[in-house]
Full PDB file with SEQRES, HELIX, SHEET, SSBOND, CRYST1, ORIGX, SCALE, CONECT and MASTER records, all heavy atoms in Angstrom:
SEQRES   1 A   32  GLU ASP THR GLY LEU TYR ARG PHE ALA PHE ASP ILE PRO          
SEQRES   2 A   32  ILE LEU CYS PRO GLY CYS ARG ARG MET PHE ILE ASP PHE          
SEQRES   3 A   32  ASP ARG ILE PRO ALA ASP                                      
HELIX    1 AA1 PHE A   26  ARG A   28  5                                   3    
SSBOND   1 CYS A   16    CYS A   19                          1555   1555  1.79  
CRYST1    1.000    1.000    1.000  90.00  90.00  90.00 P 1           1          
ORIGX1      1.000000  0.000000  0.000000        0.00000                         
ORIGX2      0.000000  1.000000  0.000000        0.00000                         
ORIGX3      0.000000  0.000000  1.000000        0.00000                         
SCALE1      1.000000  0.000000  0.000000        0.00000                         
SCALE2      0.000000  1.000000  0.000000        0.00000                         
SCALE3      0.000000  0.000000  1.000000        0.00000                         
ATOM      1  N   GLU A   1      13.936  12.979  14.109  1.00  0.00           N  
ATOM      2  CA  GLU A   1      14.669  12.130  15.054  1.00  0.00           C  
ATOM      3  C   GLU A   1      14.388  10.646  14.888  1.00  0.00           C  
ATOM      4  O   GLU A   1      15.029   9.804  15.538  1.00  0.00           O  
ATOM      5  CB  GLU A   1      14.361  12.550  16.492  1.00  0.00           C  
ATOM      6  CG  GLU A   1      12.894  12.413  16.911  1.00  0.00           C  
ATOM      7  CD  GLU A   1      12.068  13.642  16.639  1.00  0.00           C  
ATOM      8  OE1 GLU A   1      12.506  14.492  15.822  1.00  0.00           O  
ATOM      9  OE2 GLU A   1      10.979  13.773  17.238  1.00  0.00           O  
ATOM     10  N   ASP A   2      13.457  10.275  14.036  1.00  0.00           N  
ATOM     11  CA  ASP A   2      13.136   8.862  13.835  1.00  0.00           C  
ATOM     12  C   ASP A   2      14.278   8.154  13.104  1.00  0.00           C  
ATOM     13  O   ASP A   2      14.845   8.675  12.132  1.00  0.00           O  
ATOM     14  CB  ASP A   2      11.847   8.714  13.028  1.00  0.00           C  
ATOM     15  CG  ASP A   2      10.614   9.107  13.821  1.00  0.00           C  
ATOM     16  OD1 ASP A   2      10.636   8.950  15.055  1.00  0.00           O  
ATOM     17  OD2 ASP A   2       9.636   9.569  13.213  1.00  0.00           O  
ATOM     18  N   THR A   3      14.614   6.958  13.582  1.00  0.00           N  
ATOM     19  CA  THR A   3      15.706   6.186  12.990  1.00  0.00           C  
ATOM     20  C   THR A   3      15.215   4.790  12.611  1.00  0.00           C  
ATOM     21  O   THR A   3      14.075   4.424  12.885  1.00  0.00           O  
ATOM     22  CB  THR A   3      16.883   6.075  13.975  1.00  0.00           C  
ATOM     23  OG1 THR A   3      16.419   5.446  15.187  1.00  0.00           O  
ATOM     24  CG2 THR A   3      17.457   7.444  14.315  1.00  0.00           C  
ATOM     25  N   GLY A   4      16.101   4.020  12.005  1.00  0.00           N  
ATOM     26  CA  GLY A   4      15.755   2.657  11.618  1.00  0.00           C  
ATOM     27  C   GLY A   4      14.740   2.605  10.494  1.00  0.00           C  
ATOM     28  O   GLY A   4      13.929   1.679  10.414  1.00  0.00           O  
ATOM     29  N   LEU A   5      14.782   3.583   9.589  1.00  0.00           N  
ATOM     30  CA  LEU A   5      13.792   3.688   8.523  1.00  0.00           C  
ATOM     31  C   LEU A   5      14.338   3.082   7.231  1.00  0.00           C  
ATOM     32  O   LEU A   5      15.480   3.343   6.839  1.00  0.00           O  
ATOM     33  CB  LEU A   5      13.408   5.148   8.287  1.00  0.00           C  
ATOM     34  CG  LEU A   5      12.952   5.936   9.515  1.00  0.00           C  
ATOM     35  CD1 LEU A   5      12.600   7.361   9.132  1.00  0.00           C  
ATOM     36  CD2 LEU A   5      11.770   5.257  10.196  1.00  0.00           C  
ATOM     37  N   TYR A   6      13.507   2.326   6.581  1.00  0.00           N  
ATOM     38  CA  TYR A   6      13.860   1.750   5.278  1.00  0.00           C  
ATOM     39  C   TYR A   6      13.253   2.617   4.180  1.00  0.00           C  
ATOM     40  O   TYR A   6      12.045   2.833   4.137  1.00  0.00           O  
ATOM     41  CB  TYR A   6      13.349   0.311   5.178  1.00  0.00           C  
ATOM     42  CG  TYR A   6      13.370  -0.245   3.775  1.00  0.00           C  
ATOM     43  CD1 TYR A   6      14.553  -0.312   3.049  1.00  0.00           C  
ATOM     44  CD2 TYR A   6      12.193  -0.689   3.171  1.00  0.00           C  
ATOM     45  CE1 TYR A   6      14.573  -0.815   1.760  1.00  0.00           C  
ATOM     46  CE2 TYR A   6      12.211  -1.198   1.882  1.00  0.00           C  
ATOM     47  CZ  TYR A   6      13.396  -1.253   1.180  1.00  0.00           C  
ATOM     48  OH  TYR A   6      13.409  -1.743  -0.103  1.00  0.00           O  
ATOM     49  N   ARG A   7      14.091   3.108   3.300  1.00  0.00           N  
ATOM     50  CA  ARG A   7      13.647   3.951   2.193  1.00  0.00           C  
ATOM     51  C   ARG A   7      13.641   3.125   0.911  1.00  0.00           C  
ATOM     52  O   ARG A   7      14.616   2.446   0.608  1.00  0.00           O  
ATOM     53  CB  ARG A   7      14.580   5.137   2.022  1.00  0.00           C  
ATOM     54  CG  ARG A   7      14.223   6.082   0.879  1.00  0.00           C  
ATOM     55  CD  ARG A   7      15.246   7.205   0.827  1.00  0.00           C  
ATOM     56  NE  ARG A   7      14.938   8.173  -0.207  1.00  0.00           N  
ATOM     57  CZ  ARG A   7      15.308   8.053  -1.477  1.00  0.00           C  
ATOM     58  NH1 ARG A   7      15.994   6.996  -1.874  1.00  0.00           N  
ATOM     59  NH2 ARG A   7      14.993   8.996  -2.358  1.00  0.00           N  
ATOM     60  N   PHE A   8      12.539   3.145   0.194  1.00  0.00           N  
ATOM     61  CA  PHE A   8      12.474   2.391  -1.049  1.00  0.00           C  
ATOM     62  C   PHE A   8      11.971   3.286  -2.172  1.00  0.00           C  
ATOM     63  O   PHE A   8      11.244   4.255  -1.955  1.00  0.00           O  
ATOM     64  CB  PHE A   8      11.583   1.149  -0.911  1.00  0.00           C  
ATOM     65  CG  PHE A   8      10.131   1.451  -0.681  1.00  0.00           C  
ATOM     66  CD1 PHE A   8       9.247   1.556  -1.744  1.00  0.00           C  
ATOM     67  CD2 PHE A   8       9.643   1.634   0.602  1.00  0.00           C  
ATOM     68  CE1 PHE A   8       7.914   1.843  -1.532  1.00  0.00           C  
ATOM     69  CE2 PHE A   8       8.306   1.913   0.820  1.00  0.00           C  
ATOM     70  CZ  PHE A   8       7.440   2.020  -0.248  1.00  0.00           C  
ATOM     71  N   ALA A   9      12.390   2.946  -3.379  1.00  0.00           N  
ATOM     72  CA  ALA A   9      11.978   3.678  -4.569  1.00  0.00           C  
ATOM     73  C   ALA A   9      11.993   2.717  -5.746  1.00  0.00           C  
ATOM     74  O   ALA A   9      13.044   2.173  -6.082  1.00  0.00           O  
ATOM     75  CB  ALA A   9      12.917   4.848  -4.827  1.00  0.00           C  
ATOM     76  N   PHE A  10      10.835   2.457  -6.330  1.00  0.00           N  
ATOM     77  CA  PHE A  10      10.760   1.634  -7.524  1.00  0.00           C  
ATOM     78  C   PHE A  10       9.436   1.892  -8.216  1.00  0.00           C  
ATOM     79  O   PHE A  10       8.503   2.439  -7.633  1.00  0.00           O  
ATOM     80  CB  PHE A  10      10.925   0.139  -7.221  1.00  0.00           C  
ATOM     81  CG  PHE A  10       9.985  -0.406  -6.189  1.00  0.00           C  
ATOM     82  CD1 PHE A  10       8.796  -1.011  -6.546  1.00  0.00           C  
ATOM     83  CD2 PHE A  10      10.291  -0.347  -4.835  1.00  0.00           C  
ATOM     84  CE1 PHE A  10       7.930  -1.525  -5.600  1.00  0.00           C  
ATOM     85  CE2 PHE A  10       9.439  -0.868  -3.881  1.00  0.00           C  
ATOM     86  CZ  PHE A  10       8.251  -1.460  -4.270  1.00  0.00           C  
ATOM     87  N   ASP A  11       9.374   1.521  -9.479  1.00  0.00           N  
ATOM     88  CA  ASP A  11       8.194   1.793 -10.293  1.00  0.00           C  
ATOM     89  C   ASP A  11       7.064   0.824  -9.948  1.00  0.00           C  
ATOM     90  O   ASP A  11       7.247  -0.393  -9.982  1.00  0.00           O  
ATOM     91  CB  ASP A  11       8.524   1.668 -11.778  1.00  0.00           C  
ATOM     92  CG  ASP A  11       9.419   2.791 -12.265  1.00  0.00           C  
ATOM     93  OD1 ASP A  11       9.271   3.905 -11.741  1.00  0.00           O  
ATOM     94  OD2 ASP A  11      10.246   2.552 -13.155  1.00  0.00           O  
ATOM     95  N   ILE A  12       5.914   1.371  -9.628  1.00  0.00           N  
ATOM     96  CA  ILE A  12       4.705   0.574  -9.447  1.00  0.00           C  
ATOM     97  C   ILE A  12       3.694   1.072 -10.469  1.00  0.00           C  
ATOM     98  O   ILE A  12       3.391   2.265 -10.508  1.00  0.00           O  
ATOM     99  CB  ILE A  12       4.150   0.697  -8.021  1.00  0.00           C  
ATOM    100  CG1 ILE A  12       5.161   0.117  -7.026  1.00  0.00           C  
ATOM    101  CG2 ILE A  12       2.808  -0.018  -7.892  1.00  0.00           C  
ATOM    102  CD1 ILE A  12       4.729   0.212  -5.591  1.00  0.00           C  
ATOM    103  N   PRO A  13       3.206   0.217 -11.351  1.00  0.00           N  
ATOM    104  CA  PRO A  13       2.347   0.692 -12.436  1.00  0.00           C  
ATOM    105  C   PRO A  13       1.033   1.256 -11.927  1.00  0.00           C  
ATOM    106  O   PRO A  13       0.537   0.880 -10.865  1.00  0.00           O  
ATOM    107  CB  PRO A  13       2.126  -0.559 -13.284  1.00  0.00           C  
ATOM    108  CG  PRO A  13       2.359  -1.704 -12.346  1.00  0.00           C  
ATOM    109  CD  PRO A  13       3.423  -1.242 -11.398  1.00  0.00           C  
ATOM    110  N   ILE A  14       0.475   2.167 -12.717  1.00  0.00           N  
ATOM    111  CA  ILE A  14      -0.865   2.652 -12.436  1.00  0.00           C  
ATOM    112  C   ILE A  14      -1.867   1.571 -12.824  1.00  0.00           C  
ATOM    113  O   ILE A  14      -1.501   0.520 -13.361  1.00  0.00           O  
ATOM    114  CB  ILE A  14      -1.154   3.961 -13.188  1.00  0.00           C  
ATOM    115  CG1 ILE A  14      -1.112   3.735 -14.710  1.00  0.00           C  
ATOM    116  CG2 ILE A  14      -0.170   5.049 -12.764  1.00  0.00           C  
ATOM    117  CD1 ILE A  14      -1.557   4.947 -15.509  1.00  0.00           C  
ATOM    118  N   LEU A  15      -3.134   1.818 -12.555  1.00  0.00           N  
ATOM    119  CA  LEU A  15      -4.169   0.849 -12.871  1.00  0.00           C  
ATOM    120  C   LEU A  15      -4.167   0.540 -14.368  1.00  0.00           C  
ATOM    121  O   LEU A  15      -4.198   1.444 -15.202  1.00  0.00           O  
ATOM    122  CB  LEU A  15      -5.539   1.390 -12.453  1.00  0.00           C  
ATOM    123  CG  LEU A  15      -6.730   0.469 -12.690  1.00  0.00           C  
ATOM    124  CD1 LEU A  15      -6.675  -0.737 -11.771  1.00  0.00           C  
ATOM    125  CD2 LEU A  15      -8.030   1.234 -12.494  1.00  0.00           C  
ATOM    126  N   CYS A  16      -4.137  -0.748 -14.704  1.00  0.00           N  
ATOM    127  CA  CYS A  16      -4.061  -1.159 -16.106  1.00  0.00           C  
ATOM    128  C   CYS A  16      -5.454  -1.146 -16.748  1.00  0.00           C  
ATOM    129  O   CYS A  16      -6.463  -1.349 -16.073  1.00  0.00           O  
ATOM    130  CB  CYS A  16      -3.453  -2.554 -16.215  1.00  0.00           C  
ATOM    131  SG  CYS A  16      -4.111  -3.775 -15.052  1.00  0.00           S  
ATOM    132  N   PRO A  17      -5.543  -0.879 -18.044  1.00  0.00           N  
ATOM    133  CA  PRO A  17      -6.833  -0.952 -18.735  1.00  0.00           C  
ATOM    134  C   PRO A  17      -7.434  -2.351 -18.586  1.00  0.00           C  
ATOM    135  O   PRO A  17      -6.737  -3.357 -18.732  1.00  0.00           O  
ATOM    136  CB  PRO A  17      -6.468  -0.663 -20.190  1.00  0.00           C  
ATOM    137  CG  PRO A  17      -5.185   0.103 -20.115  1.00  0.00           C  
ATOM    138  CD  PRO A  17      -4.454  -0.456 -18.933  1.00  0.00           C  
ATOM    139  N   GLY A  18      -8.722  -2.404 -18.291  1.00  0.00           N  
ATOM    140  CA  GLY A  18      -9.382  -3.688 -18.098  1.00  0.00           C  
ATOM    141  C   GLY A  18      -9.224  -4.265 -16.706  1.00  0.00           C  
ATOM    142  O   GLY A  18      -9.715  -5.363 -16.423  1.00  0.00           O  
ATOM    143  N   CYS A  19      -8.545  -3.526 -15.814  1.00  0.00           N  
ATOM    144  CA  CYS A  19      -8.292  -4.018 -14.455  1.00  0.00           C  
ATOM    145  C   CYS A  19      -9.202  -3.313 -13.453  1.00  0.00           C  
ATOM    146  O   CYS A  19      -9.737  -2.239 -13.707  1.00  0.00           O  
ATOM    147  CB  CYS A  19      -6.839  -3.777 -14.054  1.00  0.00           C  
ATOM    148  SG  CYS A  19      -5.636  -4.705 -14.997  1.00  0.00           S  
ATOM    149  N   ARG A  20      -9.338  -3.944 -12.305  1.00  0.00           N  
ATOM    150  CA  ARG A  20     -10.008  -3.330 -11.159  1.00  0.00           C  
ATOM    151  C   ARG A  20      -9.062  -3.389  -9.972  1.00  0.00           C  
ATOM    152  O   ARG A  20      -8.399  -4.395  -9.749  1.00  0.00           O  
ATOM    153  CB  ARG A  20     -11.317  -4.056 -10.835  1.00  0.00           C  
ATOM    154  CG  ARG A  20     -12.390  -3.840 -11.888  1.00  0.00           C  
ATOM    155  CD  ARG A  20     -13.716  -4.410 -11.452  1.00  0.00           C  
ATOM    156  NE  ARG A  20     -14.744  -4.225 -12.462  1.00  0.00           N  
ATOM    157  CZ  ARG A  20     -15.491  -3.142 -12.591  1.00  0.00           C  
ATOM    158  NH1 ARG A  20     -15.313  -2.130 -11.765  1.00  0.00           N  
ATOM    159  NH2 ARG A  20     -16.408  -3.053 -13.539  1.00  0.00           N  
ATOM    160  N   ARG A  21      -9.023  -2.295  -9.242  1.00  0.00           N  
ATOM    161  CA  ARG A  21      -8.162  -2.230  -8.056  1.00  0.00           C  
ATOM    162  C   ARG A  21      -8.945  -2.744  -6.858  1.00  0.00           C  
ATOM    163  O   ARG A  21      -9.908  -2.128  -6.413  1.00  0.00           O  
ATOM    164  CB  ARG A  21      -7.664  -0.807  -7.846  1.00  0.00           C  
ATOM    165  CG  ARG A  21      -6.701  -0.649  -6.686  1.00  0.00           C  
ATOM    166  CD  ARG A  21      -5.800   0.557  -6.862  1.00  0.00           C  
ATOM    167  NE  ARG A  21      -4.841   0.345  -7.954  1.00  0.00           N  
ATOM    168  CZ  ARG A  21      -3.879   1.215  -8.284  1.00  0.00           C  
ATOM    169  NH1 ARG A  21      -3.753   2.354  -7.614  1.00  0.00           N  
ATOM    170  NH2 ARG A  21      -3.054   0.943  -9.283  1.00  0.00           N  
ATOM    171  N   MET A  22      -8.518  -3.886  -6.329  1.00  0.00           N  
ATOM    172  CA  MET A  22      -9.175  -4.543  -5.203  1.00  0.00           C  
ATOM    173  C   MET A  22      -8.334  -4.330  -3.943  1.00  0.00           C  
ATOM    174  O   MET A  22      -7.153  -4.706  -3.900  1.00  0.00           O  
ATOM    175  CB  MET A  22      -9.365  -6.035  -5.480  1.00  0.00           C  
ATOM    176  CG  MET A  22     -10.132  -6.335  -6.768  1.00  0.00           C  
ATOM    177  SD  MET A  22     -11.760  -5.546  -6.891  1.00  0.00           S  
ATOM    178  CE  MET A  22     -12.588  -6.205  -5.436  1.00  0.00           C  
ATOM    179  N   PHE A  23      -8.945  -3.734  -2.940  1.00  0.00           N  
ATOM    180  CA  PHE A  23      -8.245  -3.315  -1.727  1.00  0.00           C  
ATOM    181  C   PHE A  23      -8.712  -4.143  -0.538  1.00  0.00           C  
ATOM    182  O   PHE A  23      -9.915  -4.332  -0.339  1.00  0.00           O  
ATOM    183  CB  PHE A  23      -8.522  -1.830  -1.484  1.00  0.00           C  
ATOM    184  CG  PHE A  23      -7.846  -1.250  -0.272  1.00  0.00           C  
ATOM    185  CD1 PHE A  23      -6.475  -1.140  -0.204  1.00  0.00           C  
ATOM    186  CD2 PHE A  23      -8.599  -0.792   0.803  1.00  0.00           C  
ATOM    187  CE1 PHE A  23      -5.851  -0.580   0.899  1.00  0.00           C  
ATOM    188  CE2 PHE A  23      -8.007  -0.238   1.912  1.00  0.00           C  
ATOM    189  CZ  PHE A  23      -6.620  -0.135   1.961  1.00  0.00           C  
ATOM    190  N   ILE A  24      -7.767  -4.662   0.239  1.00  0.00           N  
ATOM    191  CA  ILE A  24      -8.078  -5.340   1.503  1.00  0.00           C  
ATOM    192  C   ILE A  24      -7.791  -4.344   2.615  1.00  0.00           C  
ATOM    193  O   ILE A  24      -6.646  -3.926   2.809  1.00  0.00           O  
ATOM    194  CB  ILE A  24      -7.259  -6.621   1.676  1.00  0.00           C  
ATOM    195  CG1 ILE A  24      -7.525  -7.585   0.511  1.00  0.00           C  
ATOM    196  CG2 ILE A  24      -7.606  -7.296   3.011  1.00  0.00           C  
ATOM    197  CD1 ILE A  24      -6.712  -8.866   0.564  1.00  0.00           C  
ATOM    198  N   ASP A  25      -8.820  -3.943   3.332  1.00  0.00           N  
ATOM    199  CA  ASP A  25      -8.770  -2.805   4.242  1.00  0.00           C  
ATOM    200  C   ASP A  25      -8.383  -3.249   5.654  1.00  0.00           C  
ATOM    201  O   ASP A  25      -9.224  -3.703   6.436  1.00  0.00           O  
ATOM    202  CB  ASP A  25     -10.138  -2.122   4.253  1.00  0.00           C  
ATOM    203  CG  ASP A  25     -10.115  -0.777   4.936  1.00  0.00           C  
ATOM    204  OD1 ASP A  25      -9.122  -0.475   5.631  1.00  0.00           O  
ATOM    205  OD2 ASP A  25     -11.093  -0.021   4.782  1.00  0.00           O  
ATOM    206  N   PHE A  26      -7.113  -3.089   6.002  1.00  0.00           N  
ATOM    207  CA  PHE A  26      -6.646  -3.441   7.344  1.00  0.00           C  
ATOM    208  C   PHE A  26      -7.261  -2.535   8.410  1.00  0.00           C  
ATOM    209  O   PHE A  26      -7.358  -2.921   9.583  1.00  0.00           O  
ATOM    210  CB  PHE A  26      -5.120  -3.347   7.430  1.00  0.00           C  
ATOM    211  CG  PHE A  26      -4.366  -4.358   6.619  1.00  0.00           C  
ATOM    212  CD1 PHE A  26      -2.981  -4.290   6.517  1.00  0.00           C  
ATOM    213  CD2 PHE A  26      -5.020  -5.391   5.962  1.00  0.00           C  
ATOM    214  CE1 PHE A  26      -2.267  -5.216   5.782  1.00  0.00           C  
ATOM    215  CE2 PHE A  26      -4.314  -6.322   5.212  1.00  0.00           C  
ATOM    216  CZ  PHE A  26      -2.938  -6.229   5.125  1.00  0.00           C  
ATOM    217  N   ASP A  27      -7.645  -1.319   8.036  1.00  0.00           N  
ATOM    218  CA  ASP A  27      -8.234  -0.397   9.014  1.00  0.00           C  
ATOM    219  C   ASP A  27      -9.542  -0.935   9.580  1.00  0.00           C  
ATOM    220  O   ASP A  27      -9.993  -0.477  10.637  1.00  0.00           O  
ATOM    221  CB  ASP A  27      -8.490   0.965   8.367  1.00  0.00           C  
ATOM    222  CG  ASP A  27      -7.404   1.973   8.703  1.00  0.00           C  
ATOM    223  OD1 ASP A  27      -6.626   1.710   9.634  1.00  0.00           O  
ATOM    224  OD2 ASP A  27      -7.333   3.016   8.032  1.00  0.00           O  
ATOM    225  N   ARG A  28     -10.158  -1.860   8.873  1.00  0.00           N  
ATOM    226  CA  ARG A  28     -11.427  -2.399   9.345  1.00  0.00           C  
ATOM    227  C   ARG A  28     -11.259  -3.712  10.090  1.00  0.00           C  
ATOM    228  O   ARG A  28     -12.227  -4.406  10.376  1.00  0.00           O  
ATOM    229  CB  ARG A  28     -12.391  -2.522   8.163  1.00  0.00           C  
ATOM    230  CG  ARG A  28     -12.809  -1.131   7.664  1.00  0.00           C  
ATOM    231  CD  ARG A  28     -13.538  -1.155   6.360  1.00  0.00           C  
ATOM    232  NE  ARG A  28     -14.847  -1.800   6.460  1.00  0.00           N  
ATOM    233  CZ  ARG A  28     -15.666  -1.961   5.425  1.00  0.00           C  
ATOM    234  NH1 ARG A  28     -15.291  -1.527   4.216  1.00  0.00           N  
ATOM    235  NH2 ARG A  28     -16.833  -2.551   5.578  1.00  0.00           N  
ATOM    236  N   ILE A  29     -10.017  -4.049  10.433  1.00  0.00           N  
ATOM    237  CA  ILE A  29      -9.776  -5.055  11.461  1.00  0.00           C  
ATOM    238  C   ILE A  29      -9.981  -4.348  12.797  1.00  0.00           C  
ATOM    239  O   ILE A  29      -9.366  -3.311  13.046  1.00  0.00           O  
ATOM    240  CB  ILE A  29      -8.336  -5.607  11.381  1.00  0.00           C  
ATOM    241  CG1 ILE A  29      -8.090  -6.295  10.040  1.00  0.00           C  
ATOM    242  CG2 ILE A  29      -8.063  -6.571  12.529  1.00  0.00           C  
ATOM    243  CD1 ILE A  29      -6.650  -6.736   9.845  1.00  0.00           C  
ATOM    244  N   PRO A  30     -10.864  -4.819  13.652  1.00  0.00           N  
ATOM    245  CA  PRO A  30     -11.115  -4.092  14.906  1.00  0.00           C  
ATOM    246  C   PRO A  30      -9.842  -3.819  15.687  1.00  0.00           C  
ATOM    247  O   PRO A  30      -8.953  -4.677  15.779  1.00  0.00           O  
ATOM    248  CB  PRO A  30     -12.046  -5.055  15.673  1.00  0.00           C  
ATOM    249  CG  PRO A  30     -12.709  -5.868  14.606  1.00  0.00           C  
ATOM    250  CD  PRO A  30     -11.679  -6.040  13.523  1.00  0.00           C  
ATOM    251  N   ALA A  31      -9.742  -2.589  16.220  1.00  0.00           N  
ATOM    252  CA  ALA A  31      -8.540  -2.202  16.957  1.00  0.00           C  
ATOM    253  C   ALA A  31      -8.297  -3.117  18.153  1.00  0.00           C  
ATOM    254  O   ALA A  31      -7.151  -3.369  18.534  1.00  0.00           O  
ATOM    255  CB  ALA A  31      -8.655  -0.753  17.416  1.00  0.00           C  
ATOM    256  N   ASP A  32      -9.369  -3.614  18.751  1.00  0.00           N  
ATOM    257  CA  ASP A  32      -9.246  -4.520  19.901  1.00  0.00           C  
ATOM    258  C   ASP A  32      -9.555  -5.949  19.466  1.00  0.00           C  
ATOM    259  O   ASP A  32     -10.165  -6.722  20.210  1.00  0.00           O  
ATOM    260  CB  ASP A  32     -10.173  -4.099  21.035  1.00  0.00           C  
ATOM    261  CG  ASP A  32     -11.641  -4.007  20.586  1.00  0.00           C  
ATOM    262  OD1 ASP A  32     -11.888  -4.060  19.362  1.00  0.00           O  
ATOM    263  OD2 ASP A  32     -12.510  -3.887  21.467  1.00  0.00           O  
TER     264      ASP A  32                                                      
CONECT  131  148                                                                
CONECT  148  131                                                                
MASTER        0    0    0    1    0    0    0    6  263    1    2    3          
END                                                                             
């Protein structure tokens, strides 16, 4: 029943040789 959804599909490369995946963790922004 959910509406107003944007569906996307495109190629996102996997981790490249010599690269490091650096993540900024929004979950560790305090909920309050």
